[in-house]
Amino acid sequence: DGLDDEALAARVTECFHAVSGDKHLRLLVRSPDHRAAGTPAEAEAA
């Protein structure tokens, strides 16, 4: 509750890793370029 994006991503990822041990399983803050991309094609171009 009440966490901003970075804190939420870090807390959820910590839980992911504690349970699974899988370092690829993560909640991530999207990059500004990906946020600006409106379509999958624009995201691929970025």
ModelCIF file with pLDDT and N, C-alpha, C, O atoms, coordinates in Angstrom:
data_MODEL
#
_entry.id   MODEL 
#
_entity.id                         1 
_entity.type                       polymer 
_entity.pdbx_number_of_molecules   1 
#
_entity_poly.entity_id                      1 
_entity_poly.type                           'polypeptide(L)' 
_entity_poly.nstd_linkage                   no 
_entity_poly.nstd_monomer                   no 
_entity_poly.pdbx_seq_one_letter_code       DGLDDEALAARVTECFHAVSGDKHLRLLVRSPDHRAAGTPAEAEAA 
_entity_poly.pdbx_seq_one_letter_code_can   DGLDDEALAARVTECFHAVSGDKHLRLLVRSPDHRAAGTPAEAEAA 
_entity_poly.pdbx_strand_id                 A 
#
loop_
_entity_poly_seq.entity_id 
_entity_poly_seq.num 
_entity_poly_seq.mon_id 
_entity_poly_seq.hetero 
1 1  ASP n 
1 2  GLY n 
1 3  LEU n 
1 4  ASP n 
1 5  ASP n 
1 6  GLU n 
1 7  ALA n 
1 8  LEU n 
1 9  ALA n 
1 10 ALA n 
1 11 ARG n 
1 12 VAL n 
1 13 THR n 
1 14 GLU n 
1 15 CYS n 
1 16 PHE n 
1 17 HIS n 
1 18 ALA n 
1 19 VAL n 
1 20 SER n 
1 21 GLY n 
1 22 ASP n 
1 23 LYS n 
1 24 HIS n 
1 25 LEU n 
1 26 ARG n 
1 27 LEU n 
1 28 LEU n 
1 29 VAL n 
1 30 ARG n 
1 31 SER n 
1 32 PRO n 
1 33 ASP n 
1 34 HIS n 
1 35 ARG n 
1 36 ALA n 
1 37 ALA n 
1 38 GLY n 
1 39 THR n 
1 40 PRO n 
1 41 ALA n 
1 42 GLU n 
1 43 ALA n 
1 44 GLU n 
1 45 ALA n 
1 46 ALA n 
#
_struct_asym.id          A 
_struct_asym.entity_id   1 
#
loop_
_ma_qa_metric.id 
_ma_qa_metric.mode 
_ma_qa_metric.name 
_ma_qa_metric.software_group_id 
_ma_qa_metric.type 
1 global pLDDT . pLDDT 
2 local  pLDDT . pLDDT 
#
_ma_qa_metric_global.metric_id      1 
_ma_qa_metric_global.metric_value   86.26 
_ma_qa_metric_global.model_id       1 
_ma_qa_metric_global.ordinal_id     1 
#
loop_
_ma_qa_metric_local.label_asym_id 
_ma_qa_metric_local.label_comp_id 
_ma_qa_metric_local.label_seq_id 
_ma_qa_metric_local.metric_id 
_ma_qa_metric_local.metric_value 
_ma_qa_metric_local.model_id 
_ma_qa_metric_local.ordinal_id 
A ASP 1  2 93.00 1 1  
A GLY 2  2 91.00 1 2  
A LEU 3  2 94.00 1 3  
A ASP 4  2 95.00 1 4  
A ASP 5  2 95.00 1 5  
A GLU 6  2 96.00 1 6  
A ALA 7  2 96.00 1 7  
A LEU 8  2 95.00 1 8  
A ALA 9  2 96.00 1 9  
A ALA 10 2 97.00 1 10 
A ARG 11 2 96.00 1 11 
A VAL 12 2 96.00 1 12 
A THR 13 2 97.00 1 13 
A GLU 14 2 97.00 1 14 
A CYS 15 2 96.00 1 15 
A PHE 16 2 96.00 1 16 
A HIS 17 2 96.00 1 17 
A ALA 18 2 96.00 1 18 
A VAL 19 2 96.00 1 19 
A SER 20 2 96.00 1 20 
A GLY 21 2 95.00 1 21 
A ASP 22 2 95.00 1 22 
A LYS 23 2 95.00 1 23 
A HIS 24 2 96.00 1 24 
A LEU 25 2 97.00 1 25 
A ARG 26 2 97.00 1 26 
A LEU 27 2 97.00 1 27 
A LEU 28 2 97.00 1 28 
A VAL 29 2 95.00 1 29 
A ARG 30 2 88.00 1 30 
A SER 31 2 79.00 1 31 
A PRO 32 2 72.00 1 32 
A ASP 33 2 61.00 1 33 
A HIS 34 2 59.00 1 34 
A ARG 35 2 55.00 1 35 
A ALA 36 2 55.00 1 36 
A ALA 37 2 58.00 1 37 
A GLY 38 2 61.00 1 38 
A THR 39 2 70.00 1 39 
A PRO 40 2 73.00 1 40 
A ALA 41 2 79.00 1 41 
A GLU 42 2 77.00 1 42 
A ALA 43 2 73.00 1 43 
A GLU 44 2 76.00 1 44 
A ALA 45 2 80.00 1 45 
A ALA 46 2 78.00 1 46 
#
loop_
_atom_site.group_PDB 
_atom_site.id 
_atom_site.type_symbol 
_atom_site.label_atom_id 
_atom_site.label_alt_id 
_atom_site.label_comp_id 
_atom_site.label_asym_id 
_atom_site.label_entity_id 
_atom_site.label_seq_id 
_atom_site.pdbx_PDB_ins_code 
_atom_site.Cartn_x 
_atom_site.Cartn_y 
_atom_site.Cartn_z 
_atom_site.occupancy 
_atom_site.B_iso_or_equiv 
_atom_site.pdbx_formal_charge 
_atom_site.auth_seq_id 
_atom_site.auth_comp_id 
_atom_site.auth_asym_id 
_atom_site.auth_atom_id 
_atom_site.pdbx_PDB_model_num 
ATOM 1   N N  . ASP A 1 1  ? 0.824  -1.206  0.000   1.00 93.00 ? 1  ASP A N  1 
ATOM 2   C CA . ASP A 1 1  ? 0.000  0.000   0.000   1.00 93.00 ? 1  ASP A CA 1 
ATOM 3   C C  . ASP A 1 1  ? 0.864  1.264   0.000   1.00 93.00 ? 1  ASP A C  1 
ATOM 4   O O  . ASP A 1 1  ? 1.857  1.350   0.723   1.00 93.00 ? 1  ASP A O  1 
ATOM 5   N N  . GLY A 1 2  ? 0.479  2.226   -0.809  1.00 91.00 ? 2  GLY A N  1 
ATOM 6   C CA . GLY A 1 2  ? 1.102  3.545   -0.784  1.00 91.00 ? 2  GLY A CA 1 
ATOM 7   C C  . GLY A 1 2  ? 2.485  3.633   -1.375  1.00 91.00 ? 2  GLY A C  1 
ATOM 8   O O  . GLY A 1 2  ? 3.133  4.671   -1.242  1.00 91.00 ? 2  GLY A O  1 
ATOM 9   N N  . LEU A 1 3  ? 2.969  2.585   -2.027  1.00 94.00 ? 3  LEU A N  1 
ATOM 10  C CA . LEU A 1 3  ? 4.316  2.607   -2.601  1.00 94.00 ? 3  LEU A CA 1 
ATOM 11  C C  . LEU A 1 3  ? 4.313  3.257   -3.981  1.00 94.00 ? 3  LEU A C  1 
ATOM 12  O O  . LEU A 1 3  ? 3.387  3.065   -4.770  1.00 94.00 ? 3  LEU A O  1 
ATOM 13  N N  . ASP A 1 4  ? 5.368  4.030   -4.261  1.00 95.00 ? 4  ASP A N  1 
ATOM 14  C CA . ASP A 1 4  ? 5.504  4.541   -5.623  1.00 95.00 ? 4  ASP A CA 1 
ATOM 15  C C  . ASP A 1 4  ? 6.034  3.434   -6.526  1.00 95.00 ? 4  ASP A C  1 
ATOM 16  O O  . ASP A 1 4  ? 6.323  2.330   -6.062  1.00 95.00 ? 4  ASP A O  1 
ATOM 17  N N  . ASP A 1 5  ? 6.160  3.733   -7.818  1.00 95.00 ? 5  ASP A N  1 
ATOM 18  C CA . ASP A 1 5  ? 6.519  2.691   -8.785  1.00 95.00 ? 5  ASP A CA 1 
ATOM 19  C C  . ASP A 1 5  ? 7.831  1.998   -8.441  1.00 95.00 ? 5  ASP A C  1 
ATOM 20  O O  . ASP A 1 5  ? 7.903  0.769   -8.451  1.00 95.00 ? 5  ASP A O  1 
ATOM 21  N N  . GLU A 1 6  ? 8.857  2.766   -8.140  1.00 96.00 ? 6  GLU A N  1 
ATOM 22  C CA . GLU A 1 6  ? 10.167 2.177   -7.881  1.00 96.00 ? 6  GLU A CA 1 
ATOM 23  C C  . GLU A 1 6  ? 10.143 1.300   -6.634  1.00 96.00 ? 6  GLU A C  1 
ATOM 24  O O  . GLU A 1 6  ? 10.702 0.203   -6.634  1.00 96.00 ? 6  GLU A O  1 
ATOM 25  N N  . ALA A 1 7  ? 9.499  1.780   -5.574  1.00 96.00 ? 7  ALA A N  1 
ATOM 26  C CA . ALA A 1 7  ? 9.430  1.007   -4.341  1.00 96.00 ? 7  ALA A CA 1 
ATOM 27  C C  . ALA A 1 7  ? 8.581  -0.249  -4.528  1.00 96.00 ? 7  ALA A C  1 
ATOM 28  O O  . ALA A 1 7  ? 8.919  -1.312  -4.007  1.00 96.00 ? 7  ALA A O  1 
ATOM 29  N N  . LEU A 1 8  ? 7.480  -0.127  -5.268  1.00 95.00 ? 8  LEU A N  1 
ATOM 30  C CA . LEU A 1 8  ? 6.627  -1.283  -5.520  1.00 95.00 ? 8  LEU A CA 1 
ATOM 31  C C  . LEU A 1 8  ? 7.368  -2.334  -6.329  1.00 95.00 ? 8  LEU A C  1 
ATOM 32  O O  . LEU A 1 8  ? 7.319  -3.522  -6.011  1.00 95.00 ? 8  LEU A O  1 
ATOM 33  N N  . ALA A 1 9  ? 8.063  -1.887  -7.388  1.00 96.00 ? 9  ALA A N  1 
ATOM 34  C CA . ALA A 1 9  ? 8.813  -2.827  -8.226  1.00 96.00 ? 9  ALA A CA 1 
ATOM 35  C C  . ALA A 1 9  ? 9.874  -3.548  -7.403  1.00 96.00 ? 9  ALA A C  1 
ATOM 36  O O  . ALA A 1 9  ? 10.060 -4.756  -7.549  1.00 96.00 ? 9  ALA A O  1 
ATOM 37  N N  . ALA A 1 10 ? 10.564 -2.817  -6.546  1.00 97.00 ? 10 ALA A N  1 
ATOM 38  C CA . ALA A 1 10 ? 11.607 -3.429  -5.725  1.00 97.00 ? 10 ALA A CA 1 
ATOM 39  C C  . ALA A 1 10 ? 11.015 -4.421  -4.732  1.00 97.00 ? 10 ALA A C  1 
ATOM 40  O O  . ALA A 1 10 ? 11.573 -5.501  -4.537  1.00 97.00 ? 10 ALA A O  1 
ATOM 41  N N  . ARG A 1 11 ? 9.895  -4.074  -4.101  1.00 96.00 ? 11 ARG A N  1 
ATOM 42  C CA . ARG A 1 11 ? 9.298  -4.940  -3.090  1.00 96.00 ? 11 ARG A CA 1 
ATOM 43  C C  . ARG A 1 11 ? 8.725  -6.212  -3.721  1.00 96.00 ? 11 ARG A C  1 
ATOM 44  O O  . ARG A 1 11 ? 8.908  -7.307  -3.190  1.00 96.00 ? 11 ARG A O  1 
ATOM 45  N N  . VAL A 1 12 ? 8.041  -6.068  -4.840  1.00 96.00 ? 12 VAL A N  1 
ATOM 46  C CA . VAL A 1 12 ? 7.482  -7.240  -5.516  1.00 96.00 ? 12 VAL A CA 1 
ATOM 47  C C  . VAL A 1 12 ? 8.591  -8.148  -6.029  1.00 96.00 ? 12 VAL A C  1 
ATOM 48  O O  . VAL A 1 12 ? 8.507  -9.370  -5.907  1.00 96.00 ? 12 VAL A O  1 
ATOM 49  N N  . THR A 1 13 ? 9.629  -7.550  -6.603  1.00 97.00 ? 13 THR A N  1 
ATOM 50  C CA . THR A 1 13 ? 10.741 -8.347  -7.115  1.00 97.00 ? 13 THR A CA 1 
ATOM 51  C C  . THR A 1 13 ? 11.443 -9.094  -5.994  1.00 97.00 ? 13 THR A C  1 
ATOM 52  O O  . THR A 1 13 ? 11.856 -10.239 -6.175  1.00 97.00 ? 13 THR A O  1 
ATOM 53  N N  . GLU A 1 14 ? 11.579 -8.464  -4.850  1.00 97.00 ? 14 GLU A N  1 
ATOM 54  C CA . GLU A 1 14 ? 12.181 -9.143  -3.697  1.00 97.00 ? 14 GLU A CA 1 
ATOM 55  C C  . GLU A 1 14 ? 11.370 -10.373 -3.313  1.00 97.00 ? 14 GLU A C  1 
ATOM 56  O O  . GLU A 1 14 ? 11.932 -11.414 -2.972  1.00 97.00 ? 14 GLU A O  1 
ATOM 57  N N  . CYS A 1 15 ? 10.059 -10.250 -3.368  1.00 96.00 ? 15 CYS A N  1 
ATOM 58  C CA . CYS A 1 15 ? 9.194  -11.383 -3.058  1.00 96.00 ? 15 CYS A CA 1 
ATOM 59  C C  . CYS A 1 15 ? 9.310  -12.471 -4.120  1.00 96.00 ? 15 CYS A C  1 
ATOM 60  O O  . CYS A 1 15 ? 9.386  -13.658 -3.802  1.00 96.00 ? 15 CYS A O  1 
ATOM 61  N N  . PHE A 1 16 ? 9.321  -12.053 -5.381  1.00 96.00 ? 16 PHE A N  1 
ATOM 62  C CA . PHE A 1 16 ? 9.532  -13.014 -6.472  1.00 96.00 ? 16 PHE A CA 1 
ATOM 63  C C  . PHE A 1 16 ? 10.781 -13.855 -6.210  1.00 96.00 ? 16 PHE A C  1 
ATOM 64  O O  . PHE A 1 16 ? 10.744 -15.083 -6.272  1.00 96.00 ? 16 PHE A O  1 
ATOM 65  N N  . HIS A 1 17 ? 11.869 -13.177 -5.921  1.00 96.00 ? 17 HIS A N  1 
ATOM 66  C CA . HIS A 1 17 ? 13.149 -13.866 -5.766  1.00 96.00 ? 17 HIS A CA 1 
ATOM 67  C C  . HIS A 1 17 ? 13.175 -14.733 -4.512  1.00 96.00 ? 17 HIS A C  1 
ATOM 68  O O  . HIS A 1 17 ? 13.756 -15.818 -4.515  1.00 96.00 ? 17 HIS A O  1 
ATOM 69  N N  . ALA A 1 18 ? 12.552 -14.260 -3.451  1.00 96.00 ? 18 ALA A N  1 
ATOM 70  C CA . ALA A 1 18 ? 12.540 -15.034 -2.211  1.00 96.00 ? 18 ALA A CA 1 
ATOM 71  C C  . ALA A 1 18 ? 11.817 -16.362 -2.398  1.00 96.00 ? 18 ALA A C  1 
ATOM 72  O O  . ALA A 1 18 ? 12.214 -17.370 -1.814  1.00 96.00 ? 18 ALA A O  1 
ATOM 73  N N  . VAL A 1 19 ? 10.759 -16.373 -3.206  1.00 96.00 ? 19 VAL A N  1 
ATOM 74  C CA . VAL A 1 19 ? 9.969  -17.587 -3.396  1.00 96.00 ? 19 VAL A CA 1 
ATOM 75  C C  . VAL A 1 19 ? 10.543 -18.475 -4.493  1.00 96.00 ? 19 VAL A C  1 
ATOM 76  O O  . VAL A 1 19 ? 10.650 -19.690 -4.326  1.00 96.00 ? 19 VAL A O  1 
ATOM 77  N N  . SER A 1 20 ? 10.914 -17.860 -5.623  1.00 96.00 ? 20 SER A N  1 
ATOM 78  C CA . SER A 1 20 ? 11.305 -18.646 -6.801  1.00 96.00 ? 20 SER A CA 1 
ATOM 79  C C  . SER A 1 20 ? 12.806 -18.829 -6.945  1.00 96.00 ? 20 SER A C  1 
ATOM 80  O O  . SER A 1 20 ? 13.256 -19.823 -7.515  1.00 96.00 ? 20 SER A O  1 
ATOM 81  N N  . GLY A 1 21 ? 13.599 -17.870 -6.427  1.00 95.00 ? 21 GLY A N  1 
ATOM 82  C CA . GLY A 1 21 ? 15.041 -17.886 -6.668  1.00 95.00 ? 21 GLY A CA 1 
ATOM 83  C C  . GLY A 1 21 ? 15.412 -17.536 -8.093  1.00 95.00 ? 21 GLY A C  1 
ATOM 84  O O  . GLY A 1 21 ? 16.579 -17.643 -8.470  1.00 95.00 ? 21 GLY A O  1 
ATOM 85  N N  . ASP A 1 22 ? 14.442 -17.119 -8.895  1.00 95.00 ? 22 ASP A N  1 
ATOM 86  C CA . ASP A 1 22 ? 14.656 -16.851 -10.324 1.00 95.00 ? 22 ASP A CA 1 
ATOM 87  C C  . ASP A 1 22 ? 14.916 -15.364 -10.521 1.00 95.00 ? 22 ASP A C  1 
ATOM 88  O O  . ASP A 1 22 ? 14.011 -14.544 -10.365 1.00 95.00 ? 22 ASP A O  1 
ATOM 89  N N  . LYS A 1 23 ? 16.158 -15.016 -10.865 1.00 95.00 ? 23 LYS A N  1 
ATOM 90  C CA . LYS A 1 23 ? 16.537 -13.610 -10.976 1.00 95.00 ? 23 LYS A CA 1 
ATOM 91  C C  . LYS A 1 23 ? 15.965 -12.927 -12.220 1.00 95.00 ? 23 LYS A C  1 
ATOM 92  O O  . LYS A 1 23 ? 16.010 -11.702 -12.330 1.00 95.00 ? 23 LYS A O  1 
ATOM 93  N N  . HIS A 1 24 ? 15.428 -13.715 -13.159 1.00 96.00 ? 24 HIS A N  1 
ATOM 94  C CA . HIS A 1 24 ? 14.789 -13.119 -14.322 1.00 96.00 ? 24 HIS A CA 1 
ATOM 95  C C  . HIS A 1 24 ? 13.354 -12.660 -14.038 1.00 96.00 ? 24 HIS A C  1 
ATOM 96  O O  . HIS A 1 24 ? 12.824 -11.820 -14.765 1.00 96.00 ? 24 HIS A O  1 
ATOM 97  N N  . LEU A 1 25 ? 12.728 -13.192 -13.003 1.00 97.00 ? 25 LEU A N  1 
ATOM 98  C CA . LEU A 1 25 ? 11.343 -12.854 -12.674 1.00 97.00 ? 25 LEU A CA 1 
ATOM 99  C C  . LEU A 1 25 ? 11.343 -11.541 -11.890 1.00 97.00 ? 25 LEU A C  1 
ATOM 100 O O  . LEU A 1 25 ? 11.785 -11.488 -10.743 1.00 97.00 ? 25 LEU A O  1 
ATOM 101 N N  . ARG A 1 26 ? 10.831 -10.471 -12.540 1.00 97.00 ? 26 ARG A N  1 
ATOM 102 C CA . ARG A 1 26 ? 10.963 -9.137  -11.941 1.00 97.00 ? 26 ARG A CA 1 
ATOM 103 C C  . ARG A 1 26 ? 9.772  -8.251  -12.315 1.00 97.00 ? 26 ARG A C  1 
ATOM 104 O O  . ARG A 1 26 ? 9.174  -8.409  -13.379 1.00 97.00 ? 26 ARG A O  1 
ATOM 105 N N  . LEU A 1 27 ? 9.450  -7.339  -11.442 1.00 97.00 ? 27 LEU A N  1 
ATOM 106 C CA . LEU A 1 27 ? 8.583  -6.213  -11.784 1.00 97.00 ? 27 LEU A CA 1 
ATOM 107 C C  . LEU A 1 27 ? 9.486  -5.020  -12.005 1.00 97.00 ? 27 LEU A C  1 
ATOM 108 O O  . LEU A 1 27 ? 10.325 -4.711  -11.159 1.00 97.00 ? 27 LEU A O  1 
ATOM 109 N N  . LEU A 1 28 ? 9.326  -4.345  -13.128 1.00 97.00 ? 28 LEU A N  1 
ATOM 110 C CA . LEU A 1 28 ? 10.258 -3.305  -13.550 1.00 97.00 ? 28 LEU A CA 1 
ATOM 111 C C  . LEU A 1 28 ? 9.532  -2.003  -13.850 1.00 97.00 ? 28 LEU A C  1 
ATOM 112 O O  . LEU A 1 28 ? 8.391  -2.003  -14.312 1.00 97.00 ? 28 LEU A O  1 
ATOM 113 N N  . VAL A 1 29 ? 10.206 -0.906  -13.582 1.00 95.00 ? 29 VAL A N  1 
ATOM 114 C CA . VAL A 1 29 ? 9.729  0.394   -14.021 1.00 95.00 ? 29 VAL A CA 1 
ATOM 115 C C  . VAL A 1 29 ? 10.067 0.538   -15.498 1.00 95.00 ? 29 VAL A C  1 
ATOM 116 O O  . VAL A 1 29 ? 11.221 0.369   -15.892 1.00 95.00 ? 29 VAL A O  1 
ATOM 117 N N  . ARG A 1 30 ? 9.077  0.845   -16.306 1.00 88.00 ? 30 ARG A N  1 
ATOM 118 C CA . ARG A 1 30 ? 9.299  0.954   -17.750 1.00 88.00 ? 30 ARG A CA 1 
ATOM 119 C C  . ARG A 1 30 ? 10.160 2.175   -18.054 1.00 88.00 ? 30 ARG A C  1 
ATOM 120 O O  . ARG A 1 30 ? 10.044 3.211   -17.399 1.00 88.00 ? 30 ARG A O  1 
ATOM 121 N N  . SER A 1 31 ? 11.024 2.036   -19.056 1.00 79.00 ? 31 SER A N  1 
ATOM 122 C CA . SER A 1 31 ? 11.895 3.143   -19.444 1.00 79.00 ? 31 SER A CA 1 
ATOM 123 C C  . SER A 1 31 ? 11.066 4.265   -20.057 1.00 79.00 ? 31 SER A C  1 
ATOM 124 O O  . SER A 1 31 ? 9.981  4.013   -20.579 1.00 79.00 ? 31 SER A O  1 
ATOM 125 N N  . PRO A 1 32 ? 11.562 5.504   -20.000 1.00 72.00 ? 32 PRO A N  1 
ATOM 126 C CA . PRO A 1 32 ? 10.834 6.611   -20.622 1.00 72.00 ? 32 PRO A CA 1 
ATOM 127 C C  . PRO A 1 32 ? 10.543 6.387   -22.106 1.00 72.00 ? 32 PRO A C  1 
ATOM 128 O O  . PRO A 1 32 ? 9.479  6.774   -22.591 1.00 72.00 ? 32 PRO A O  1 
ATOM 129 N N  . ASP A 1 33 ? 11.468 5.770   -22.826 1.00 61.00 ? 33 ASP A N  1 
ATOM 130 C CA . ASP A 1 33 ? 11.242 5.503   -24.244 1.00 61.00 ? 33 ASP A CA 1 
ATOM 131 C C  . ASP A 1 33 ? 10.076 4.545   -24.447 1.00 61.00 ? 33 ASP A C  1 
ATOM 132 O O  . ASP A 1 33 ? 9.260  4.735   -25.349 1.00 61.00 ? 33 ASP A O  1 
ATOM 133 N N  . HIS A 1 34 ? 9.999  3.515   -23.609 1.00 59.00 ? 34 HIS A N  1 
ATOM 134 C CA . HIS A 1 34 ? 8.895  2.567   -23.735 1.00 59.00 ? 34 HIS A CA 1 
ATOM 135 C C  . HIS A 1 34 ? 7.581  3.194   -23.305 1.00 59.00 ? 34 HIS A C  1 
ATOM 136 O O  . HIS A 1 34 ? 6.529  2.868   -23.854 1.00 59.00 ? 34 HIS A O  1 
ATOM 137 N N  . ARG A 1 35 ? 7.631  4.087   -22.333 1.00 55.00 ? 35 ARG A N  1 
ATOM 138 C CA . ARG A 1 35 ? 6.401  4.768   -21.912 1.00 55.00 ? 35 ARG A CA 1 
ATOM 139 C C  . ARG A 1 35 ? 5.859  5.643   -23.038 1.00 55.00 ? 35 ARG A C  1 
ATOM 140 O O  . ARG A 1 35 ? 4.648  5.755   -23.225 1.00 55.00 ? 35 ARG A O  1 
ATOM 141 N N  . ALA A 1 36 ? 6.778  6.264   -23.787 1.00 55.00 ? 36 ALA A N  1 
ATOM 142 C CA . ALA A 1 36 ? 6.363  7.160   -24.862 1.00 55.00 ? 36 ALA A CA 1 
ATOM 143 C C  . ALA A 1 36 ? 5.851  6.407   -26.076 1.00 55.00 ? 36 ALA A C  1 
ATOM 144 O O  . ALA A 1 36 ? 5.128  6.973   -26.896 1.00 55.00 ? 36 ALA A O  1 
ATOM 145 N N  . ALA A 1 37 ? 6.216  5.140   -26.202 1.00 58.00 ? 37 ALA A N  1 
ATOM 146 C CA . ALA A 1 37 ? 5.795  4.349   -27.360 1.00 58.00 ? 37 ALA A CA 1 
ATOM 147 C C  . ALA A 1 37 ? 4.323  3.973   -27.222 1.00 58.00 ? 37 ALA A C  1 
ATOM 148 O O  . ALA A 1 37 ? 3.931  3.303   -26.267 1.00 58.00 ? 37 ALA A O  1 
ATOM 149 N N  . GLY A 1 38 ? 3.520  4.406   -28.176 1.00 61.00 ? 38 GLY A N  1 
ATOM 150 C CA . GLY A 1 38 ? 2.087  4.157   -28.095 1.00 61.00 ? 38 GLY A CA 1 
ATOM 151 C C  . GLY A 1 38 ? 1.660  2.827   -28.649 1.00 61.00 ? 38 GLY A C  1 
ATOM 152 O O  . GLY A 1 38 ? 0.598  2.327   -28.280 1.00 61.00 ? 38 GLY A O  1 
ATOM 153 N N  . THR A 1 39 ? 2.444  2.235   -29.521 1.00 70.00 ? 39 THR A N  1 
ATOM 154 C CA . THR A 1 39 ? 2.084  0.970   -30.160 1.00 70.00 ? 39 THR A CA 1 
ATOM 155 C C  . THR A 1 39 ? 3.247  -0.005  -30.045 1.00 70.00 ? 39 THR A C  1 
ATOM 156 O O  . THR A 1 39 ? 4.373  0.418   -29.783 1.00 70.00 ? 39 THR A O  1 
ATOM 157 N N  . PRO A 1 40 ? 3.001  -1.308  -30.234 1.00 73.00 ? 40 PRO A N  1 
ATOM 158 C CA . PRO A 1 40 ? 4.115  -2.273  -30.233 1.00 73.00 ? 40 PRO A CA 1 
ATOM 159 C C  . PRO A 1 40 ? 5.180  -1.938  -31.271 1.00 73.00 ? 40 PRO A C  1 
ATOM 160 O O  . PRO A 1 40 ? 6.370  -2.132  -31.022 1.00 73.00 ? 40 PRO A O  1 
ATOM 161 N N  . ALA A 1 41 ? 4.767  -1.441  -32.421 1.00 79.00 ? 41 ALA A N  1 
ATOM 162 C CA . ALA A 1 41 ? 5.740  -1.071  -33.457 1.00 79.00 ? 41 ALA A CA 1 
ATOM 163 C C  . ALA A 1 41 ? 6.621  0.081   -32.990 1.00 79.00 ? 41 ALA A C  1 
ATOM 164 O O  . ALA A 1 41 ? 7.824  0.092   -33.249 1.00 79.00 ? 41 ALA A O  1 
ATOM 165 N N  . GLU A 1 42 ? 6.020  1.051   -32.301 1.00 77.00 ? 42 GLU A N  1 
ATOM 166 C CA . GLU A 1 42 ? 6.806  2.172   -31.783 1.00 77.00 ? 42 GLU A CA 1 
ATOM 167 C C  . GLU A 1 42 ? 7.747  1.709   -30.672 1.00 77.00 ? 42 GLU A C  1 
ATOM 168 O O  . GLU A 1 42 ? 8.871  2.198   -30.557 1.00 77.00 ? 42 GLU A O  1 
ATOM 169 N N  . ALA A 1 43 ? 7.283  0.771   -29.862 1.00 73.00 ? 43 ALA A N  1 
ATOM 170 C CA . ALA A 1 43 ? 8.150  0.232   -28.815 1.00 73.00 ? 43 ALA A CA 1 
ATOM 171 C C  . ALA A 1 43 ? 9.337  -0.510  -29.418 1.00 73.00 ? 43 ALA A C  1 
ATOM 172 O O  . ALA A 1 43 ? 10.462 -0.387  -28.935 1.00 73.00 ? 43 ALA A O  1 
ATOM 173 N N  . GLU A 1 44 ? 9.084  -1.282  -30.477 1.00 76.00 ? 44 GLU A N  1 
ATOM 174 C CA . GLU A 1 44 ? 10.162 -1.995  -31.159 1.00 76.00 ? 44 GLU A CA 1 
ATOM 175 C C  . GLU A 1 44 ? 11.158 -1.017  -31.770 1.00 76.00 ? 44 GLU A C  1 
ATOM 176 O O  . GLU A 1 44 ? 12.368 -1.233  -31.700 1.00 76.00 ? 44 GLU A O  1 
ATOM 177 N N  . ALA A 1 45 ? 10.650 0.059   -32.370 1.00 80.00 ? 45 ALA A N  1 
ATOM 178 C CA . ALA A 1 45 ? 11.537 1.069   -32.969 1.00 80.00 ? 45 ALA A CA 1 
ATOM 179 C C  . ALA A 1 45 ? 12.385 1.747   -31.902 1.00 80.00 ? 45 ALA A C  1 
ATOM 180 O O  . ALA A 1 45 ? 13.566 2.017   -32.122 1.00 80.00 ? 45 ALA A O  1 
ATOM 181 N N  . ALA A 1 46 ? 11.783 2.025   -30.742 1.00 78.00 ? 46 ALA A N  1 
ATOM 182 C CA . ALA A 1 46 ? 12.532 2.655   -29.650 1.00 78.00 ? 46 ALA A CA 1 
ATOM 183 C C  . ALA A 1 46 ? 13.616 1.712   -29.138 1.00 78.00 ? 46 ALA A C  1 
ATOM 184 O O  . ALA A 1 46 ? 14.355 2.062   -28.218 1.00 78.00 ? 46 ALA A O  1 
#
